[in-house]
Amino acid sequence: MPKQKTHKGLKKRIKITSSGKVKCSHSGTGHLMSSKNAKRRRRLSSKTIISSAKAKTVKIGLCK
């Protein structure tokens, strides 16, 4: 059976940490930022860790 290919769209959006957790950006940062307060914009700009249940599915897409 041939090897499974990496999902390139997913590869550009997430990062695997050294401990094996999956980091990604928050949603809701594309536009309409003026209606969001500064605390919310600051929180959205940081990266977040995906839950372990979803991380398993993501890692299958990355084929690592």
C-alpha atoms as a PDB file:
ATOM      1  CA  MET A   1       0.000   0.000   0.000  1.00  0.00           C
ATOM      2  CA  PRO A   2       1.423   3.436  -0.904  1.00  0.00           C
ATOM      3  CA  LYS A   3       2.182   6.080   1.671  1.00  0.00           C
ATOM      4  CA  GLN A   4      -0.541   8.583   2.574  1.00  0.00           C
ATOM      5  CA  LYS A   5       0.099  12.135   1.366  1.00  0.00           C
ATOM      6  CA  THR A   6       0.274  15.100   3.726  1.00  0.00           C
ATOM      7  CA  HIS A   7      -2.700  17.479   3.549  1.00  0.00           C
ATOM      8  CA  LYS A   8      -0.894  20.657   2.438  1.00  0.00           C
ATOM      9  CA  GLY A   9      -3.687  23.039   3.520  1.00  0.00           C
ATOM     10  CA  LEU A  10      -3.552  21.621   7.032  1.00  0.00           C
ATOM     11  CA  LYS A  11       0.246  21.722   7.123  1.00  0.00           C
ATOM     12  CA  LYS A  12       0.200  25.504   6.517  1.00  0.00           C
ATOM     13  CA  ARG A  13      -2.268  26.167   9.342  1.00  0.00           C
ATOM     14  CA  ILE A  14      -0.964  24.145  12.288  1.00  0.00           C
ATOM     15  CA  LYS A  15       2.283  23.314  14.064  1.00  0.00           C
ATOM     16  CA  ILE A  16       3.231  20.303  16.199  1.00  0.00           C
ATOM     17  CA  THR A  17       5.078  21.218  19.411  1.00  0.00           C
ATOM     18  CA  SER A  18       8.053  19.228  20.683  1.00  0.00           C
ATOM     19  CA  SER A  19       5.827  17.488  23.249  1.00  0.00           C
ATOM     20  CA  GLY A  20       3.436  16.408  20.473  1.00  0.00           C
ATOM     21  CA  LYS A  21       0.621  18.909  21.056  1.00  0.00           C
ATOM     22  CA  VAL A  22      -1.026  20.716  18.130  1.00  0.00           C
ATOM     23  CA  LYS A  23      -0.943  24.544  17.962  1.00  0.00           C
ATOM     24  CA  CYS A  24      -3.112  26.686  15.688  1.00  0.00           C
ATOM     25  CA  SER A  25      -4.465  30.212  15.355  1.00  0.00           C
ATOM     26  CA  HIS A  26      -7.841  31.320  16.689  1.00  0.00           C
ATOM     27  CA  SER A  27     -10.715  31.829  14.303  1.00  0.00           C
ATOM     28  CA  GLY A  28     -12.456  35.181  13.884  1.00  0.00           C
ATOM     29  CA  THR A  29      -9.392  37.275  13.076  1.00  0.00           C
ATOM     30  CA  GLY A  30      -9.985  37.873   9.353  1.00  0.00           C
ATOM     31  CA  HIS A  31     -11.975  41.104   9.354  1.00  0.00           C
ATOM     32  CA  LEU A  32     -14.379  43.284  11.397  1.00  0.00           C
ATOM     33  CA  MET A  33     -11.692  43.796  14.039  1.00  0.00           C
ATOM     34  CA  SER A  34     -12.796  47.350  14.893  1.00  0.00           C
ATOM     35  CA  SER A  35     -15.946  46.030  16.576  1.00  0.00           C
ATOM     36  CA  LYS A  36     -13.896  43.756  18.857  1.00  0.00           C
ATOM     37  CA  ASN A  37     -12.359  45.222  22.002  1.00  0.00           C
ATOM     38  CA  ALA A  38      -8.584  45.329  22.560  1.00  0.00           C
ATOM     39  CA  LYS A  39      -8.549  42.503  25.104  1.00  0.00           C
ATOM     40  CA  ARG A  40     -10.383  40.213  22.684  1.00  0.00           C
ATOM     41  CA  ARG A  41      -8.110  41.110  19.742  1.00  0.00           C
ATOM     42  CA  ARG A  42      -5.041  40.461  21.887  1.00  0.00           C
ATOM     43  CA  ARG A  43      -6.385  37.068  22.986  1.00  0.00           C
ATOM     44  CA  LEU A  44      -7.256  36.090  19.396  1.00  0.00           C
ATOM     45  CA  SER A  45      -3.788  36.988  18.120  1.00  0.00           C
ATOM     46  CA  SER A  46      -2.083  34.307  20.232  1.00  0.00           C
ATOM     47  CA  LYS A  47      -1.859  30.628  19.304  1.00  0.00           C
ATOM     48  CA  THR A  48      -3.973  27.969  21.029  1.00  0.00           C
ATOM     49  CA  ILE A  49      -3.561  24.267  21.768  1.00  0.00           C
ATOM     50  CA  ILE A  50      -6.099  21.953  20.101  1.00  0.00           C
ATOM     51  CA  SER A  51      -7.897  19.459  22.365  1.00  0.00           C
ATOM     52  CA  SER A  52      -6.456  15.949  22.409  1.00  0.00           C
ATOM     53  CA  ALA A  53      -9.572  14.454  20.753  1.00  0.00           C
ATOM     54  CA  LYS A  54      -9.244  16.707  17.690  1.00  0.00           C
ATOM     55  CA  ALA A  55      -5.447  16.469  17.701  1.00  0.00           C
ATOM     56  CA  LYS A  56      -5.616  12.768  16.806  1.00  0.00           C
ATOM     57  CA  THR A  57      -7.606  13.561  13.657  1.00  0.00           C
ATOM     58  CA  VAL A  58      -5.254  16.406  12.736  1.00  0.00           C
ATOM     59  CA  LYS A  59      -2.164  14.216  13.104  1.00  0.00           C
ATOM     60  CA  ILE A  60      -3.664  11.654  10.710  1.00  0.00           C
ATOM     61  CA  GLY A  61      -3.960  14.433   8.105  1.00  0.00           C
ATOM     62  CA  LEU A  62      -0.327  15.394   8.636  1.00  0.00           C
ATOM     63  CA  CYS A  63       0.944  11.798   8.345  1.00  0.00           C
ATOM     64  CA  LYS A  64       3.748  12.319  10.868  1.00  0.00           C
END
